[in-house]
Amino acid sequence: METIGFISLTPCLIVLTVLLVRHKPFVRFVLPILFWIQLAAVVYVVAPLFQRNAVSLALTPDFKIDSLGSLFMTLTAFVTACAMSHARVFFEVEDARAGESYQFEHERIFYACAALFLLAMNFVFISDNLGFLWISIEATTLSSAALIYYGRTKHTLEATWKYLVVCSVGIAFALFGTILLFASSQHGAIEHGSLNLSELTAHADALEFRLLRLGYIFCLVGYGTKAGVFPLHSWLPDAHSEAPAPASAILSGALLNCALFAIWRLSQLVSAAHHEALATNLPLALGTVTALAASFFLIHQHGIKRLWAYSSIENVGIMLVAIGLSSGPLFFLQALNHSIAKVALFLLAGNIIQSAGTKNLADIRGLLQSAPSWAVLFAVAALAVTGAPPSGAFLSELLILLQAMDQKRFIVVISLIVALSISFIAVSVHVCRILFGSEKSNFAKLKPFSTSIVPALLVALSLLCGVTALPILLSKP
């Protein structure tokens, strides 16, 4: 219980600081530091699980951290700290543009909700109870809705309501699935039933299969809606496009991983009940269709942030395929590389939108001439998110394809190759149009150094993941 309080302390301190302090420079300086302190706290807690033989760390009967959960907790805290560090620069630019009409109250609410959002995501990864897992994911919806509504316009209001309604319907499906999973444990498996995942896994053979299968399908649909799985993705492009850049970065780089992690935990439960075909075929089918559909959506896009939103959907499909292949390491490796590159892209997209005054791709030209440092980072991050070498995503996607080949999933392999090829071509065309062409006369010159620090760190990390890991792969016989 002390560990739960320890990882919850800093987010609560951030909320308290927002409530008590109204001094703008102090808030902008201190709060990003607190998010990095939260990362340090998470690393301190999960450090024992980074050892070779570590399996899990029990916190309470219904909360524990396993090896995969510890990795996702660390990744989530890291990308959130990066996004909140860049948020300081983002809000300073917004403040300067709005002048006296700037509402600092909205910024304070943003930081507070971001802290609650991070706290809810942490609980997703430590929940060992299906009920608490559902509550945690629902809490991520409620806390992140305020981040999307930051702009207080009719478009942000529409996107927020769409996000809440669609995801709430999905979460309702997941709730019904959770109830069915509880009912499956009442038929001789566990006296009076249980929602505890460890207990359910230990008695997986005795779970009533029809209820288990139906519950899994409902949860897959429900949590798949939150992850943006096709055709349940309709909320994602609007939410990512209308949210401020730091919020879009967290939604793509952290939130989607939470919903997919819930699907992973449930798939492992179904596999433990010796119904591997169910836990394999459904995620593989949904993941393949999602990756293919998103790649076609990438061809005709008009908004720079909607472009990266559909790229996120494609990567959700790839991660779902990794889940279907029952490979936790590949699931995390793809999530890691996608999160790093996509956070960089959304932050850079925020810079471009603030400078150009538009989100329309047709109106953004000549970035290489207007802001060379942004252009280089933007191009490298775009290549990284499409899986081009030597980025880390190239390694993870290659390993997923090889794993699918080993399992003789040839339709999945061919479909993913087609999806990756289409997305690479589509993104390359869009990015080239942004980089080249005549410089826009109304392109504002923002400070290139402060707006490039966090994206440059993330781009360098993405390249480092690929450069250091690729020789290891090539050295294997």
Protein backbone atom coordinates (compact mmCIF):
# COMPACT_ATOMS: atom_id res chain seq x y z
CA MET A 1 0.00 0.00 0.00
CA GLU A 2 2.91 2.33 0.70
CA THR A 3 4.15 1.81 -2.86
CA ILE A 4 0.79 2.85 -4.32
CA GLY A 5 0.88 5.97 -2.18
CA PHE A 6 4.44 6.67 -3.28
CA ILE A 7 3.65 6.63 -7.01
CA SER A 8 0.46 8.65 -6.37
CA LEU A 9 2.16 11.35 -4.29
CA THR A 10 3.62 13.50 -7.07
CA PRO A 11 0.44 13.67 -9.22
CA CYS A 12 -1.50 14.69 -6.13
CA LEU A 13 1.17 17.30 -5.37
CA ILE A 14 0.79 18.68 -8.91
CA VAL A 15 -2.96 19.03 -8.45
CA LEU A 16 -2.44 20.69 -5.07
CA THR A 17 0.08 23.11 -6.56
CA VAL A 18 -2.36 24.07 -9.31
CA LEU A 19 -5.11 24.70 -6.76
CA LEU A 20 -2.97 26.84 -4.45
CA VAL A 21 -0.55 28.67 -6.76
CA ARG A 22 -1.63 31.20 -9.36
CA HIS A 23 1.77 32.69 -10.16
CA LYS A 24 2.25 31.96 -13.88
CA PRO A 25 6.09 31.75 -14.07
CA PHE A 26 6.23 29.55 -10.96
CA VAL A 27 3.61 27.12 -12.28
CA ARG A 28 5.31 26.81 -15.68
CA PHE A 29 8.70 26.24 -14.10
CA VAL A 30 7.82 23.86 -11.26
CA LEU A 31 5.15 21.58 -12.74
CA PRO A 32 7.29 20.11 -15.56
CA ILE A 33 9.95 19.35 -12.93
CA LEU A 34 7.35 17.50 -10.85
CA PHE A 35 6.47 15.32 -13.83
CA TRP A 36 10.14 14.31 -14.12
CA ILE A 37 10.14 13.58 -10.38
CA GLN A 38 7.19 11.28 -11.01
CA LEU A 39 9.27 9.44 -13.61
CA ALA A 40 12.05 9.03 -11.03
CA ALA A 41 9.53 7.69 -8.51
CA VAL A 42 8.19 5.14 -10.99
CA VAL A 43 11.71 3.99 -11.92
CA TYR A 44 12.57 3.62 -8.22
CA VAL A 45 9.47 1.46 -7.62
CA VAL A 46 9.84 -0.81 -10.65
CA ALA A 47 13.66 -1.07 -10.58
CA PRO A 48 13.62 -4.53 -8.88
CA LEU A 49 11.63 -5.87 -11.85
CA PHE A 50 14.39 -4.95 -14.29
CA GLN A 51 16.50 -7.76 -12.85
CA ARG A 52 16.85 -10.94 -14.91
CA ASN A 53 14.81 -13.31 -12.73
CA ALA A 54 12.20 -10.84 -11.48
CA VAL A 55 8.59 -11.78 -12.24
CA SER A 56 6.23 -9.49 -10.35
CA LEU A 57 5.98 -7.17 -7.39
CA ALA A 58 2.89 -7.63 -5.20
CA LEU A 59 1.48 -4.40 -3.76
CA THR A 60 -1.92 -5.46 -2.38
CA PRO A 61 -4.18 -8.47 -3.13
CA ASP A 62 -5.61 -6.57 -6.13
CA PHE A 63 -2.61 -4.56 -7.27
CA LYS A 64 0.73 -5.86 -8.51
CA ILE A 65 3.35 -4.91 -11.09
CA ASP A 66 4.71 -7.48 -13.51
CA SER A 67 7.71 -7.08 -15.80
CA LEU A 68 5.73 -5.86 -18.81
CA GLY A 69 3.65 -3.51 -16.68
CA SER A 70 6.80 -1.99 -15.20
CA LEU A 71 8.12 -1.22 -18.69
CA PHE A 72 4.87 0.41 -19.74
CA MET A 73 4.69 2.43 -16.52
CA THR A 74 8.19 3.78 -17.15
CA LEU A 75 7.41 4.58 -20.79
CA THR A 76 4.18 6.34 -19.84
CA ALA A 77 5.86 8.49 -17.19
CA PHE A 78 8.69 9.34 -19.60
CA VAL A 79 6.56 10.47 -22.55
CA THR A 80 4.26 12.41 -20.21
CA ALA A 81 7.24 14.22 -18.68
CA CYS A 82 8.53 15.04 -22.17
CA ALA A 83 5.15 16.37 -23.29
CA MET A 84 4.71 18.46 -20.14
CA SER A 85 8.21 19.90 -20.50
CA HIS A 86 7.37 21.03 -24.02
CA ALA A 87 4.00 22.30 -22.78
CA ARG A 88 5.78 25.17 -21.05
CA VAL A 89 7.05 26.48 -24.41
CA PHE A 90 3.71 25.75 -26.07
CA PHE A 91 1.73 27.75 -23.52
CA GLU A 92 4.21 30.63 -23.59
CA VAL A 93 3.61 30.97 -27.33
CA GLU A 94 -0.15 30.75 -26.85
CA ASP A 95 0.07 33.38 -24.12
CA ALA A 96 2.07 35.76 -26.33
CA ARG A 97 -0.36 35.33 -29.22
CA ALA A 98 -3.50 35.86 -27.15
CA GLY A 99 -2.18 38.75 -25.05
CA GLU A 100 -4.57 39.99 -22.39
CA SER A 101 -7.30 37.60 -23.53
CA TYR A 102 -5.22 34.57 -22.53
CA GLN A 103 -6.95 32.42 -19.91
CA PHE A 104 -4.27 31.13 -17.53
CA GLU A 105 -7.03 29.27 -15.69
CA HIS A 106 -7.35 26.92 -18.66
CA GLU A 107 -3.62 26.17 -18.51
CA ARG A 108 -3.80 25.38 -14.80
CA ILE A 109 -6.72 23.01 -15.39
CA PHE A 110 -4.71 21.37 -18.16
CA TYR A 111 -1.77 20.62 -15.85
CA ALA A 112 -4.05 19.29 -13.10
CA CYS A 113 -5.96 16.99 -15.44
CA ALA A 114 -2.69 15.80 -17.01
CA ALA A 115 -1.51 14.75 -13.54
CA LEU A 116 -4.77 12.89 -12.85
CA PHE A 117 -4.54 11.34 -16.30
CA LEU A 118 -1.04 10.06 -15.57
CA LEU A 119 -2.19 8.69 -12.21
CA ALA A 120 -5.07 6.82 -13.85
CA MET A 121 -2.72 5.34 -16.47
CA ASN A 122 -0.38 4.15 -13.72
CA PHE A 123 -3.25 2.25 -12.11
CA VAL A 124 -4.02 0.52 -15.42
CA PHE A 125 -0.59 -1.11 -15.32
CA ILE A 126 -0.71 -2.16 -11.67
CA SER A 127 -4.31 -3.43 -11.50
CA ASP A 128 -4.52 -7.18 -10.90
CA ASN A 129 -8.29 -7.03 -10.68
CA LEU A 130 -10.59 -6.75 -13.68
CA GLY A 131 -12.84 -4.33 -11.82
CA PHE A 132 -10.03 -1.95 -10.92
CA LEU A 133 -8.66 -2.29 -14.45
CA TRP A 134 -12.00 -1.16 -15.86
CA ILE A 135 -12.25 1.72 -13.36
CA SER A 136 -8.73 2.87 -14.20
CA ILE A 137 -9.38 2.95 -17.94
CA GLU A 138 -12.64 4.81 -17.40
CA ALA A 139 -10.73 7.30 -15.24
CA THR A 140 -8.32 7.91 -18.13
CA THR A 141 -11.30 8.87 -20.29
CA LEU A 142 -12.72 11.36 -17.79
CA SER A 143 -9.40 12.98 -16.92
CA SER A 144 -8.17 13.29 -20.53
CA ALA A 145 -11.42 14.81 -21.84
CA ALA A 146 -10.50 18.13 -20.22
CA LEU A 147 -7.18 18.10 -22.11
CA ILE A 148 -9.00 17.89 -25.45
CA TYR A 149 -11.36 20.73 -24.46
CA TYR A 150 -8.47 23.11 -23.65
CA GLY A 151 -9.20 25.44 -26.61
CA ARG A 152 -12.84 26.02 -25.58
CA THR A 153 -14.05 26.28 -29.18
CA LYS A 154 -17.01 24.62 -30.89
CA HIS A 155 -14.64 22.22 -32.63
CA THR A 156 -12.92 21.18 -29.39
CA LEU A 157 -16.33 20.80 -27.74
CA GLU A 158 -17.51 18.54 -30.55
CA ALA A 159 -14.31 16.47 -30.41
CA THR A 160 -14.56 16.16 -26.61
CA TRP A 161 -18.16 15.00 -26.68
CA LYS A 162 -17.42 12.55 -29.48
CA TYR A 163 -14.51 11.19 -27.44
CA LEU A 164 -16.62 10.84 -24.32
CA VAL A 165 -19.65 9.29 -26.02
CA VAL A 166 -17.81 6.79 -28.24
CA CYS A 167 -15.34 5.73 -25.56
CA SER A 168 -18.06 5.50 -22.92
CA VAL A 169 -20.07 3.16 -25.16
CA GLY A 170 -16.93 1.09 -25.63
CA ILE A 171 -16.24 1.06 -21.90
CA ALA A 172 -19.83 -0.07 -21.32
CA PHE A 173 -19.14 -3.06 -23.56
CA ALA A 174 -15.98 -3.75 -21.54
CA LEU A 175 -18.00 -3.56 -18.31
CA PHE A 176 -20.46 -6.13 -19.61
CA GLY A 177 -17.53 -8.31 -20.68
CA THR A 178 -16.03 -7.98 -17.20
CA ILE A 179 -19.30 -9.14 -15.66
CA LEU A 180 -19.36 -12.14 -17.97
CA LEU A 181 -15.78 -13.02 -17.01
CA PHE A 182 -16.81 -12.86 -13.35
CA ALA A 183 -19.75 -15.15 -14.12
CA SER A 184 -17.43 -17.62 -15.87
CA SER A 185 -15.55 -18.06 -12.58
CA GLN A 186 -18.69 -18.86 -10.60
CA HIS A 187 -19.31 -22.17 -12.36
CA GLY A 188 -17.13 -24.37 -10.20
CA ALA A 189 -13.87 -22.54 -10.73
CA ILE A 190 -13.83 -20.23 -7.71
CA GLU A 191 -16.34 -20.23 -4.89
CA HIS A 192 -18.48 -17.08 -5.11
CA GLY A 193 -16.50 -15.99 -8.20
CA SER A 194 -13.57 -13.59 -8.53
CA LEU A 195 -12.30 -10.65 -10.57
CA ASN A 196 -8.70 -11.10 -9.45
CA LEU A 197 -6.60 -11.79 -12.54
CA SER A 198 -3.99 -13.91 -10.75
CA GLU A 199 -6.72 -16.04 -9.18
CA LEU A 200 -8.59 -16.35 -12.47
CA THR A 201 -5.39 -17.37 -14.26
CA ALA A 202 -4.60 -20.00 -11.62
CA HIS A 203 -8.07 -21.54 -12.12
CA ALA A 204 -8.29 -20.80 -15.85
CA ASP A 205 -8.94 -24.44 -16.79
CA ALA A 206 -12.16 -24.45 -14.75
CA LEU A 207 -13.64 -21.24 -16.18
CA GLU A 208 -16.89 -21.73 -18.08
CA PHE A 209 -15.79 -21.40 -21.71
CA ARG A 210 -18.91 -19.91 -23.28
CA LEU A 211 -19.02 -17.08 -20.74
CA LEU A 212 -15.25 -16.66 -20.95
CA ARG A 213 -15.39 -16.40 -24.75
CA LEU A 214 -18.28 -13.96 -24.74
CA GLY A 215 -16.70 -11.85 -22.00
CA TYR A 216 -13.40 -11.71 -23.87
CA ILE A 217 -15.11 -10.61 -27.09
CA PHE A 218 -17.02 -7.83 -25.32
CA CYS A 219 -13.86 -6.63 -23.57
CA LEU A 220 -11.93 -6.75 -26.83
CA VAL A 221 -14.56 -4.57 -28.51
CA GLY A 222 -14.74 -2.23 -25.51
CA TYR A 223 -11.05 -1.70 -24.90
CA GLY A 224 -10.48 -1.84 -28.67
CA THR A 225 -12.71 1.22 -28.98
CA LYS A 226 -10.48 3.05 -26.51
CA ALA A 227 -7.41 1.97 -28.48
CA GLY A 228 -8.84 3.21 -31.77
CA VAL A 229 -9.25 -0.19 -33.44
CA PHE A 230 -10.99 -0.03 -36.84
CA PRO A 231 -13.94 0.50 -37.30
CA LEU A 232 -14.30 1.85 -33.74
CA HIS A 233 -11.71 4.60 -34.27
CA SER A 234 -13.97 7.54 -35.14
CA TRP A 235 -13.17 9.53 -31.98
CA LEU A 236 -9.40 9.38 -32.37
CA PRO A 237 -8.67 11.66 -35.37
CA ASP A 238 -10.95 14.40 -34.04
CA ALA A 239 -9.58 14.25 -30.49
CA HIS A 240 -5.95 14.24 -31.59
CA SER A 241 -6.55 17.04 -34.07
CA GLU A 242 -8.37 19.42 -31.73
CA ALA A 243 -6.37 18.83 -28.55
CA PRO A 244 -3.30 21.03 -27.91
CA ALA A 245 -0.05 19.45 -29.07
CA PRO A 246 1.14 18.24 -25.61
CA ALA A 247 -2.24 16.55 -25.05
CA SER A 248 -2.20 14.93 -28.51
CA ALA A 249 1.28 13.60 -27.71
CA ILE A 250 0.10 11.94 -24.48
CA LEU A 251 -3.10 10.58 -26.05
CA SER A 252 -1.10 8.90 -28.81
CA GLY A 253 2.08 8.01 -26.93
CA ALA A 254 0.54 6.78 -23.67
CA LEU A 255 -3.25 6.38 -23.64
CA LEU A 256 -3.45 3.94 -26.56
CA ASN A 257 -0.92 1.69 -24.83
CA CYS A 258 -3.18 1.47 -21.77
CA ALA A 259 -6.14 0.08 -23.69
CA LEU A 260 -3.90 -2.36 -25.57
CA PHE A 261 -2.30 -3.46 -22.30
CA ALA A 262 -5.77 -4.36 -20.97
CA ILE A 263 -6.36 -6.46 -24.10
CA TRP A 264 -2.99 -8.14 -23.53
CA ARG A 265 -3.87 -9.10 -19.96
CA LEU A 266 -7.22 -10.58 -21.03
CA SER A 267 -5.62 -12.45 -23.94
CA GLN A 268 -3.17 -14.01 -21.51
CA LEU A 269 -6.07 -15.14 -19.32
CA VAL A 270 -7.83 -16.77 -22.27
CA SER A 271 -4.57 -18.47 -23.34
CA ALA A 272 -4.12 -19.80 -19.80
CA ALA A 273 -7.55 -21.43 -20.18
CA HIS A 274 -6.08 -23.33 -23.19
CA HIS A 275 -8.12 -21.41 -25.76
CA GLU A 276 -5.14 -20.00 -27.59
CA ALA A 277 -6.97 -19.89 -30.92
CA LEU A 278 -9.48 -17.38 -29.53
CA ALA A 279 -6.77 -15.19 -27.96
CA THR A 280 -4.76 -15.32 -31.19
CA ASN A 281 -7.16 -15.17 -34.11
CA LEU A 282 -9.30 -12.25 -32.96
CA PRO A 283 -6.43 -9.83 -32.17
CA LEU A 284 -4.62 -10.86 -35.35
CA ALA A 285 -7.69 -10.25 -37.50
CA LEU A 286 -8.55 -6.92 -35.86
CA GLY A 287 -4.94 -5.77 -35.91
CA THR A 288 -4.44 -6.62 -39.58
CA VAL A 289 -7.65 -4.92 -40.67
CA THR A 290 -6.86 -1.86 -38.55
CA ALA A 291 -3.35 -1.47 -39.99
CA LEU A 292 -4.64 -1.86 -43.56
CA ALA A 293 -7.56 0.55 -43.14
CA ALA A 294 -5.43 3.22 -41.47
CA SER A 295 -2.83 3.03 -44.23
CA PHE A 296 -5.50 3.85 -46.84
CA PHE A 297 -6.83 6.70 -44.69
CA LEU A 298 -3.32 8.19 -44.69
CA ILE A 299 -3.42 8.76 -48.45
CA HIS A 300 -5.99 11.56 -48.43
CA GLN A 301 -5.55 13.71 -45.35
CA HIS A 302 -5.95 17.47 -45.05
CA GLY A 303 -4.84 18.16 -41.48
CA ILE A 304 -1.32 17.70 -40.16
CA LYS A 305 -2.42 16.32 -36.79
CA ARG A 306 -5.09 14.10 -38.36
CA LEU A 307 -2.31 12.62 -40.48
CA TRP A 308 -0.43 11.50 -37.38
CA ALA A 309 -3.68 10.38 -35.73
CA TYR A 310 -4.29 7.86 -38.51
CA SER A 311 -0.64 6.84 -38.27
CA SER A 312 -1.33 6.06 -34.61
CA ILE A 313 -4.27 3.88 -35.62
CA GLU A 314 -2.00 1.97 -38.00
CA ASN A 315 0.50 1.36 -35.20
CA VAL A 316 -2.33 0.22 -32.91
CA GLY A 317 -3.05 -2.44 -35.52
CA ILE A 318 0.59 -3.54 -35.54
CA MET A 319 0.68 -3.73 -31.73
CA LEU A 320 -2.55 -5.74 -31.76
CA VAL A 321 -0.89 -8.18 -34.14
CA ALA A 322 1.98 -8.53 -31.66
CA ILE A 323 -0.59 -9.29 -28.95
CA GLY A 324 -2.16 -11.90 -31.22
CA LEU A 325 1.25 -13.47 -31.68
CA SER A 326 1.44 -13.78 -27.85
CA SER A 327 4.69 -11.82 -27.74
CA GLY A 328 4.85 -9.36 -24.86
CA PRO A 329 8.40 -8.18 -25.73
CA LEU A 330 7.41 -7.37 -29.33
CA PHE A 331 4.25 -5.63 -28.11
CA PHE A 332 6.30 -3.40 -25.85
CA LEU A 333 9.08 -2.85 -28.40
CA GLN A 334 6.59 -1.60 -30.98
CA ALA A 335 4.84 0.54 -28.37
CA LEU A 336 8.16 2.02 -27.24
CA ASN A 337 9.27 3.02 -30.72
CA HIS A 338 5.87 4.31 -31.73
CA SER A 339 5.43 6.38 -28.56
CA ILE A 340 8.85 8.04 -28.82
CA ALA A 341 8.52 8.97 -32.49
CA LYS A 342 4.86 9.95 -32.34
CA VAL A 343 5.27 12.24 -29.32
CA ALA A 344 8.05 14.04 -31.20
CA LEU A 345 5.84 14.39 -34.28
CA PHE A 346 2.86 15.80 -32.39
CA LEU A 347 5.05 18.30 -30.54
CA LEU A 348 6.66 19.40 -33.80
CA ALA A 349 3.24 19.60 -35.43
CA GLY A 350 2.20 21.92 -32.60
CA ASN A 351 5.20 24.15 -33.34
CA ILE A 352 4.31 24.26 -37.03
CA ILE A 353 0.64 25.03 -36.39
CA GLN A 354 1.51 27.86 -34.01
CA SER A 355 3.93 29.35 -36.55
CA ALA A 356 1.86 28.86 -39.70
CA GLY A 357 -1.47 29.65 -38.03
CA THR A 358 -3.15 26.69 -39.73
CA LYS A 359 -3.55 22.91 -39.46
CA ASN A 360 -4.30 22.50 -43.16
CA LEU A 361 -1.60 20.50 -44.94
CA ALA A 362 -2.17 22.41 -48.17
CA ASP A 363 -1.23 25.67 -46.46
CA ILE A 364 1.99 24.41 -44.85
CA ARG A 365 4.90 24.60 -47.26
CA GLY A 366 8.60 25.43 -47.26
CA LEU A 367 9.35 24.25 -43.73
CA LEU A 368 12.94 23.48 -44.70
CA GLN A 369 13.41 27.13 -45.63
CA SER A 370 11.36 28.61 -42.78
CA ALA A 371 12.60 26.47 -39.87
CA PRO A 372 15.47 24.14 -40.86
CA SER A 373 15.88 22.59 -37.40
CA TRP A 374 12.20 21.67 -37.23
CA ALA A 375 12.32 20.36 -40.79
CA VAL A 376 15.17 17.96 -40.08
CA LEU A 377 13.59 16.66 -36.88
CA PHE A 378 10.19 16.39 -38.56
CA ALA A 379 11.58 14.38 -41.47
CA VAL A 380 13.58 11.99 -39.27
CA ALA A 381 10.67 11.45 -36.86
CA ALA A 382 8.29 10.81 -39.78
CA LEU A 383 10.66 8.20 -41.21
CA ALA A 384 10.98 6.64 -37.75
CA VAL A 385 7.24 6.29 -37.25
CA THR A 386 6.87 4.59 -40.65
CA GLY A 387 9.47 2.00 -39.65
CA ALA A 388 12.24 3.11 -41.97
CA PRO A 389 15.78 2.03 -40.98
CA PRO A 390 17.73 2.74 -38.86
CA SER A 391 14.90 3.69 -36.49
CA GLY A 392 13.80 1.43 -33.65
CA ALA A 393 10.41 0.87 -35.30
CA PHE A 394 12.14 -0.84 -38.24
CA LEU A 395 13.50 -3.46 -35.85
CA SER A 396 10.22 -4.04 -34.01
CA GLU A 397 8.14 -4.30 -37.19
CA LEU A 398 10.68 -6.63 -38.79
CA LEU A 399 10.61 -8.90 -35.74
CA ILE A 400 6.80 -8.94 -35.77
CA LEU A 401 6.81 -9.97 -39.43
CA LEU A 402 9.39 -12.70 -38.75
CA GLN A 403 7.38 -13.98 -35.78
CA ALA A 404 4.24 -14.11 -37.93
CA MET A 405 6.20 -15.99 -40.60
CA ASP A 406 7.38 -18.51 -38.00
CA GLN A 407 3.75 -19.10 -37.02
CA LYS A 408 2.79 -19.44 -40.70
CA ARG A 409 0.48 -16.42 -40.59
CA PHE A 410 1.12 -15.62 -44.25
CA ILE A 411 -2.03 -13.54 -44.80
CA VAL A 412 -1.09 -11.38 -41.82
CA VAL A 413 2.46 -10.95 -43.14
CA ILE A 414 1.33 -9.96 -46.64
CA SER A 415 -1.32 -7.60 -45.27
CA LEU A 416 1.14 -5.89 -42.94
CA ILE A 417 3.71 -5.48 -45.70
CA VAL A 418 1.05 -3.86 -47.90
CA ALA A 419 -0.09 -1.60 -45.04
CA LEU A 420 3.47 -0.56 -44.15
CA SER A 421 4.30 0.14 -47.79
CA ILE A 422 1.22 2.29 -48.35
CA SER A 423 1.75 4.23 -45.14
CA PHE A 424 5.41 4.84 -45.94
CA ILE A 425 4.58 6.22 -49.39
CA ALA A 426 1.66 8.31 -48.12
CA VAL A 427 3.57 9.82 -45.21
CA SER A 428 6.61 10.48 -47.41
CA VAL A 429 4.51 12.38 -49.95
CA HIS A 430 2.83 14.50 -47.27
CA VAL A 431 6.12 15.24 -45.51
CA CYS A 432 7.89 16.21 -48.74
CA ARG A 433 5.12 18.67 -49.52
CA ILE A 434 5.53 20.21 -46.08
CA LEU A 435 9.30 20.45 -46.31
CA PHE A 436 9.64 21.85 -49.80
CA GLY A 437 7.95 24.54 -51.82
CA SER A 438 7.64 28.30 -51.41
CA GLU A 439 8.00 29.66 -47.89
CA LYS A 440 4.80 31.05 -46.42
CA SER A 441 5.12 34.78 -45.85
CA ASN A 442 3.05 34.63 -42.66
CA PHE A 443 5.21 31.92 -41.06
CA ALA A 444 6.12 33.25 -37.60
CA LYS A 445 9.70 32.75 -36.46
CA LEU A 446 9.54 31.06 -33.07
CA LYS A 447 12.61 30.38 -30.93
CA PRO A 448 14.14 27.36 -32.67
CA PHE A 449 16.16 26.12 -29.69
CA SER A 450 13.58 25.95 -26.91
CA THR A 451 10.91 24.51 -29.24
CA SER A 452 13.27 21.80 -30.50
CA ILE A 453 14.83 20.45 -27.28
CA VAL A 454 12.26 17.79 -26.41
CA PRO A 455 11.56 16.66 -30.01
CA ALA A 456 15.32 16.41 -30.64
CA LEU A 457 15.75 14.26 -27.52
CA LEU A 458 12.98 11.91 -28.66
CA VAL A 459 14.23 11.67 -32.25
CA ALA A 460 17.74 10.89 -31.02
CA LEU A 461 16.35 8.21 -28.70
CA SER A 462 14.39 6.64 -31.56
CA LEU A 463 17.50 6.44 -33.70
CA LEU A 464 19.50 5.12 -30.75
CA CYS A 465 17.01 2.28 -30.27
CA GLY A 466 17.49 1.23 -33.88
CA VAL A 467 21.24 1.74 -34.17
CA THR A 468 22.07 -0.15 -30.97
CA ALA A 469 19.60 -3.01 -31.44
CA LEU A 470 19.97 -3.69 -35.16
CA PRO A 471 23.56 -5.07 -34.90
CA ILE A 472 22.34 -7.48 -32.22
CA LEU A 473 19.67 -8.76 -34.58
CA LEU A 474 22.08 -9.07 -37.52
CA SER A 475 24.62 -10.94 -35.39
CA LYS A 476 22.19 -13.76 -34.63
CA PRO A 477 22.56 -16.86 -36.79
